[in-house]
N, C-alpha and C. Protein backbone atom coordinates (compact mmCIF):
# COMPACT_ATOMS: atom_id res chain seq x y z
N MET A 1 -32.30 -87.11 -6.92
CA MET A 1 -31.22 -87.47 -7.83
C MET A 1 -31.83 -88.04 -9.11
N PRO A 2 -31.21 -87.77 -10.23
CA PRO A 2 -31.71 -88.34 -11.49
C PRO A 2 -31.56 -89.86 -11.47
N PRO A 3 -32.40 -90.54 -12.22
CA PRO A 3 -32.36 -92.00 -12.21
C PRO A 3 -31.03 -92.56 -12.72
N ASN A 4 -30.32 -91.86 -13.58
CA ASN A 4 -29.04 -92.36 -14.11
C ASN A 4 -27.85 -91.70 -13.39
N TYR A 5 -28.03 -91.39 -12.10
CA TYR A 5 -27.00 -90.68 -11.32
C TYR A 5 -25.68 -91.46 -11.31
N ARG A 6 -25.74 -92.73 -11.09
CA ARG A 6 -24.52 -93.55 -11.01
C ARG A 6 -23.74 -93.51 -12.32
N GLU A 7 -24.44 -93.45 -13.44
CA GLU A 7 -23.78 -93.43 -14.74
C GLU A 7 -23.11 -92.08 -14.99
N GLN A 8 -23.61 -90.99 -14.39
CA GLN A 8 -23.10 -89.65 -14.66
C GLN A 8 -21.93 -89.27 -13.76
N GLN A 9 -21.62 -90.05 -12.75
CA GLN A 9 -20.60 -89.65 -11.78
C GLN A 9 -19.24 -89.39 -12.40
N GLY A 10 -18.76 -90.21 -13.30
CA GLY A 10 -17.43 -90.04 -13.85
C GLY A 10 -17.40 -89.20 -15.12
N ARG A 11 -18.54 -88.70 -15.56
CA ARG A 11 -18.64 -87.97 -16.82
C ARG A 11 -18.09 -86.56 -16.67
N PRO A 12 -17.26 -86.10 -17.62
CA PRO A 12 -16.77 -84.72 -17.56
C PRO A 12 -17.91 -83.74 -17.87
N LEU A 13 -17.74 -82.52 -17.42
CA LEU A 13 -18.76 -81.49 -17.68
C LEU A 13 -18.81 -81.16 -19.16
N SER A 14 -20.02 -80.90 -19.62
CA SER A 14 -20.18 -80.48 -21.02
C SER A 14 -19.76 -79.02 -21.15
N THR A 15 -19.66 -78.54 -22.38
CA THR A 15 -19.27 -77.16 -22.63
C THR A 15 -20.24 -76.19 -21.97
N ASN A 16 -21.53 -76.45 -22.09
CA ASN A 16 -22.53 -75.56 -21.48
C ASN A 16 -22.44 -75.60 -19.96
N GLU A 17 -22.19 -76.77 -19.39
CA GLU A 17 -22.05 -76.87 -17.94
C GLU A 17 -20.81 -76.12 -17.46
N ARG A 18 -19.72 -76.22 -18.21
CA ARG A 18 -18.51 -75.48 -17.85
C ARG A 18 -18.74 -73.98 -17.92
N LYS A 19 -19.42 -73.54 -18.97
CA LYS A 19 -19.72 -72.11 -19.12
C LYS A 19 -20.60 -71.63 -17.96
N GLY A 20 -21.58 -72.43 -17.59
CA GLY A 20 -22.45 -72.06 -16.47
C GLY A 20 -21.68 -71.98 -15.16
N ALA A 21 -20.80 -72.95 -14.93
CA ALA A 21 -19.98 -72.93 -13.71
C ALA A 21 -19.05 -71.73 -13.70
N LEU A 22 -18.45 -71.43 -14.85
CA LEU A 22 -17.56 -70.28 -14.95
C LEU A 22 -18.33 -68.97 -14.72
N ALA A 23 -19.53 -68.89 -15.27
CA ALA A 23 -20.35 -67.69 -15.07
C ALA A 23 -20.72 -67.53 -13.59
N LEU A 24 -21.03 -68.63 -12.93
CA LEU A 24 -21.37 -68.58 -11.50
C LEU A 24 -20.17 -68.13 -10.67
N VAL A 25 -19.01 -68.70 -10.93
CA VAL A 25 -17.79 -68.30 -10.21
C VAL A 25 -17.47 -66.83 -10.49
N GLY A 26 -17.59 -66.42 -11.74
CA GLY A 26 -17.33 -65.01 -12.09
C GLY A 26 -18.29 -64.07 -11.36
N ALA A 27 -19.57 -64.45 -11.29
CA ALA A 27 -20.56 -63.61 -10.59
C ALA A 27 -20.23 -63.52 -9.11
N LEU A 28 -19.81 -64.63 -8.51
CA LEU A 28 -19.45 -64.61 -7.09
C LEU A 28 -18.22 -63.75 -6.83
N VAL A 29 -17.24 -63.83 -7.72
CA VAL A 29 -16.03 -63.00 -7.58
C VAL A 29 -16.39 -61.52 -7.71
N LEU A 30 -17.19 -61.19 -8.71
CA LEU A 30 -17.60 -59.79 -8.89
C LEU A 30 -18.40 -59.29 -7.69
N ALA A 31 -19.28 -60.13 -7.17
CA ALA A 31 -20.06 -59.73 -5.99
C ALA A 31 -19.13 -59.48 -4.80
N GLY A 32 -18.14 -60.35 -4.61
CA GLY A 32 -17.18 -60.17 -3.52
C GLY A 32 -16.37 -58.90 -3.68
N LEU A 33 -15.94 -58.61 -4.90
CA LEU A 33 -15.20 -57.38 -5.15
C LEU A 33 -16.07 -56.15 -4.92
N GLY A 34 -17.33 -56.24 -5.32
CA GLY A 34 -18.25 -55.13 -5.11
C GLY A 34 -18.48 -54.85 -3.64
N VAL A 35 -18.69 -55.90 -2.86
CA VAL A 35 -18.88 -55.74 -1.42
C VAL A 35 -17.62 -55.19 -0.78
N GLY A 36 -16.47 -55.67 -1.19
CA GLY A 36 -15.21 -55.16 -0.64
C GLY A 36 -14.99 -53.69 -0.97
N ALA A 37 -15.27 -53.30 -2.21
CA ALA A 37 -15.12 -51.90 -2.61
C ALA A 37 -16.09 -51.02 -1.84
N TRP A 38 -17.32 -51.48 -1.67
CA TRP A 38 -18.32 -50.72 -0.92
C TRP A 38 -17.86 -50.57 0.53
N GLY A 39 -17.33 -51.63 1.12
CA GLY A 39 -16.86 -51.56 2.50
C GLY A 39 -15.71 -50.58 2.67
N ILE A 40 -14.81 -50.56 1.71
CA ILE A 40 -13.68 -49.64 1.78
C ILE A 40 -14.16 -48.20 1.58
N ALA A 41 -15.06 -48.00 0.63
CA ALA A 41 -15.52 -46.65 0.30
C ALA A 41 -16.40 -46.06 1.40
N SER A 42 -17.26 -46.86 2.01
CA SER A 42 -18.20 -46.30 2.98
C SER A 42 -17.91 -46.72 4.40
N GLY A 43 -17.06 -47.69 4.60
CA GLY A 43 -16.82 -48.20 5.94
C GLY A 43 -15.90 -47.33 6.75
N GLY A 44 -15.81 -47.69 7.99
CA GLY A 44 -14.90 -46.96 8.86
C GLY A 44 -15.52 -45.70 9.40
N ASN A 45 -14.82 -45.09 10.28
CA ASN A 45 -15.29 -43.87 10.90
C ASN A 45 -14.57 -42.71 10.24
N HIS A 46 -15.31 -41.80 9.67
CA HIS A 46 -14.72 -40.70 8.93
C HIS A 46 -14.44 -39.48 9.80
N GLN A 47 -14.70 -39.59 11.08
CA GLN A 47 -14.43 -38.48 11.97
C GLN A 47 -12.95 -38.44 12.30
N HIS A 48 -12.48 -37.26 12.65
CA HIS A 48 -11.08 -37.11 12.99
C HIS A 48 -10.93 -37.10 14.51
N GLY A 49 -9.77 -37.45 14.94
CA GLY A 49 -9.48 -37.41 16.35
C GLY A 49 -9.45 -38.80 16.95
N PRO A 50 -9.11 -38.88 18.22
CA PRO A 50 -9.03 -40.19 18.87
C PRO A 50 -10.40 -40.84 19.00
N CYS A 51 -10.40 -42.16 18.97
CA CYS A 51 -11.65 -42.91 19.07
C CYS A 51 -11.65 -43.79 20.31
N VAL A 52 -12.83 -44.02 20.84
CA VAL A 52 -13.04 -44.92 21.97
C VAL A 52 -14.02 -45.98 21.49
N THR A 53 -13.64 -47.24 21.65
CA THR A 53 -14.53 -48.35 21.28
C THR A 53 -14.68 -49.27 22.48
N MET A 54 -15.92 -49.63 22.76
CA MET A 54 -16.21 -50.55 23.87
C MET A 54 -17.10 -51.67 23.37
N VAL A 55 -16.93 -52.84 23.98
CA VAL A 55 -17.82 -53.96 23.73
C VAL A 55 -18.87 -53.92 24.83
N VAL A 56 -20.13 -53.86 24.44
CA VAL A 56 -21.23 -53.76 25.40
C VAL A 56 -22.06 -55.03 25.32
N PRO A 57 -22.26 -55.71 26.45
CA PRO A 57 -23.06 -56.94 26.43
C PRO A 57 -24.51 -56.64 26.08
N GLY A 58 -25.11 -57.56 25.37
CA GLY A 58 -26.51 -57.40 24.98
C GLY A 58 -27.22 -58.73 25.00
N PRO A 59 -28.51 -58.74 24.72
CA PRO A 59 -29.30 -59.97 24.79
C PRO A 59 -28.90 -61.02 23.75
N THR A 60 -28.29 -60.58 22.65
CA THR A 60 -27.90 -61.54 21.61
C THR A 60 -26.39 -61.66 21.50
N GLY A 61 -25.66 -61.31 22.55
CA GLY A 61 -24.22 -61.47 22.54
C GLY A 61 -23.46 -60.19 22.77
N GLY A 62 -23.95 -59.08 22.28
CA GLY A 62 -23.26 -57.82 22.52
C GLY A 62 -23.06 -57.03 21.26
N GLY A 63 -22.49 -55.85 21.44
CA GLY A 63 -22.24 -54.98 20.31
C GLY A 63 -21.12 -54.02 20.64
N TYR A 64 -20.81 -53.17 19.70
CA TYR A 64 -19.74 -52.20 19.86
C TYR A 64 -20.32 -50.80 19.98
N VAL A 65 -19.71 -50.01 20.84
CA VAL A 65 -20.01 -48.59 20.94
C VAL A 65 -18.73 -47.88 20.54
N THR A 66 -18.78 -47.05 19.52
CA THR A 66 -17.60 -46.32 19.05
C THR A 66 -17.92 -44.84 18.99
N ARG A 67 -17.05 -44.06 19.56
CA ARG A 67 -17.15 -42.60 19.53
C ARG A 67 -15.81 -42.05 19.09
N CYS A 68 -15.81 -41.01 18.27
CA CYS A 68 -14.56 -40.41 17.79
C CYS A 68 -14.62 -38.90 17.89
N GLY A 69 -13.44 -38.29 18.00
CA GLY A 69 -13.30 -36.85 17.97
C GLY A 69 -14.03 -36.14 19.09
N THR A 70 -14.75 -35.09 18.73
CA THR A 70 -15.48 -34.27 19.71
C THR A 70 -16.53 -35.09 20.43
N THR A 71 -17.20 -35.98 19.70
CA THR A 71 -18.21 -36.84 20.31
C THR A 71 -17.58 -37.72 21.38
N ALA A 72 -16.39 -38.24 21.13
CA ALA A 72 -15.70 -39.08 22.11
C ALA A 72 -15.33 -38.27 23.34
N ARG A 73 -14.84 -37.05 23.14
CA ARG A 73 -14.48 -36.20 24.29
C ARG A 73 -15.70 -35.93 25.17
N GLN A 74 -16.81 -35.58 24.54
CA GLN A 74 -18.04 -35.30 25.29
C GLN A 74 -18.52 -36.55 26.01
N TRP A 75 -18.49 -37.68 25.34
CA TRP A 75 -18.95 -38.94 25.92
C TRP A 75 -18.08 -39.32 27.12
N CYS A 76 -16.76 -39.17 26.99
CA CYS A 76 -15.86 -39.49 28.09
C CYS A 76 -16.12 -38.60 29.29
N GLN A 77 -16.41 -37.32 29.05
CA GLN A 77 -16.72 -36.42 30.16
C GLN A 77 -18.00 -36.85 30.89
N THR A 78 -18.98 -37.36 30.15
CA THR A 78 -20.21 -37.82 30.81
C THR A 78 -19.96 -39.09 31.62
N GLN A 79 -18.98 -39.88 31.22
CA GLN A 79 -18.69 -41.12 31.94
C GLN A 79 -18.04 -40.86 33.30
N VAL A 80 -17.41 -39.69 33.45
CA VAL A 80 -16.75 -39.36 34.72
C VAL A 80 -17.78 -39.31 35.84
N THR A 81 -18.97 -38.81 35.57
CA THR A 81 -19.99 -38.67 36.61
C THR A 81 -21.07 -39.75 36.50
N ALA A 82 -20.93 -40.68 35.57
CA ALA A 82 -21.95 -41.71 35.37
C ALA A 82 -21.79 -42.84 36.39
N ALA A 83 -22.82 -43.63 36.49
CA ALA A 83 -22.78 -44.81 37.35
C ALA A 83 -23.29 -45.99 36.54
N GLY A 84 -22.72 -47.15 36.80
CA GLY A 84 -23.17 -48.34 36.09
C GLY A 84 -22.04 -49.35 35.96
N PRO A 85 -22.38 -50.52 35.46
CA PRO A 85 -21.39 -51.61 35.40
C PRO A 85 -20.29 -51.40 34.37
N LEU A 86 -20.49 -50.53 33.39
CA LEU A 86 -19.50 -50.36 32.32
C LEU A 86 -18.67 -49.09 32.45
N VAL A 87 -18.90 -48.32 33.52
CA VAL A 87 -18.21 -47.04 33.67
C VAL A 87 -16.71 -47.23 33.80
N ALA A 88 -16.29 -48.22 34.58
CA ALA A 88 -14.84 -48.45 34.76
C ALA A 88 -14.17 -48.76 33.43
N GLN A 89 -14.81 -49.59 32.63
CA GLN A 89 -14.27 -49.92 31.30
C GLN A 89 -14.25 -48.68 30.42
N ALA A 90 -15.30 -47.87 30.47
CA ALA A 90 -15.36 -46.66 29.66
C ALA A 90 -14.24 -45.69 30.05
N LEU A 91 -14.05 -45.50 31.35
CA LEU A 91 -13.01 -44.57 31.80
C LEU A 91 -11.61 -45.06 31.41
N THR A 92 -11.38 -46.37 31.51
CA THR A 92 -10.09 -46.93 31.10
C THR A 92 -9.84 -46.69 29.61
N ASN A 93 -10.86 -46.93 28.81
CA ASN A 93 -10.72 -46.72 27.36
C ASN A 93 -10.52 -45.24 27.04
N CYS A 94 -11.19 -44.37 27.77
CA CYS A 94 -11.03 -42.93 27.53
C CYS A 94 -9.62 -42.48 27.90
N ARG A 95 -9.07 -43.04 28.98
CA ARG A 95 -7.69 -42.68 29.38
C ARG A 95 -6.68 -43.23 28.36
N GLN A 96 -6.92 -44.42 27.86
CA GLN A 96 -6.00 -44.99 26.86
C GLN A 96 -6.02 -44.17 25.58
N ALA A 97 -7.17 -43.59 25.25
CA ALA A 97 -7.27 -42.74 24.06
C ALA A 97 -6.79 -41.32 24.34
N LYS A 98 -6.33 -41.08 25.58
CA LYS A 98 -5.84 -39.77 26.01
C LYS A 98 -6.91 -38.69 25.93
N LEU A 99 -8.14 -39.09 26.21
CA LEU A 99 -9.25 -38.15 26.26
C LEU A 99 -9.54 -37.69 27.68
N LEU A 100 -8.95 -38.40 28.65
CA LEU A 100 -9.05 -38.02 30.06
C LEU A 100 -7.66 -38.07 30.66
N PRO A 101 -7.40 -37.21 31.66
CA PRO A 101 -6.09 -37.27 32.31
C PRO A 101 -5.94 -38.54 33.12
N GLY A 102 -4.72 -38.95 33.28
CA GLY A 102 -4.47 -40.11 34.15
C GLY A 102 -3.88 -41.17 33.39
C-alpha cells in the first residue's frame, strides 16, 4: 500500500483513473461478447437427428459423452451387446431418444 493510503481513501477518481476504469470495463464487456458469439457460432452439436448424452464418471469428477444422428444409432446398437457398469444407463438413454425399441 502507498504510504499515504489513509489520505487517499475518500478521494474521488481522477479523470485519467476514470478513463482507465472505463476502458477496463469496456474491454471486459467486449471480451464477454466475443466469447458468447464464438460459443453460439461454433458451439453445440451440428449433427441432425436424436442425440444421446451420458454423464460418465472419471478421475477428476466425470465428463459427458454425446452422440447424435447416425453415430448415436450405431453407438446404441453396440450398447445392446456391451457389458459394463454404464450399459443400463446407456440403454435407458437410447430408449428415451427413441433409438432403440422399448
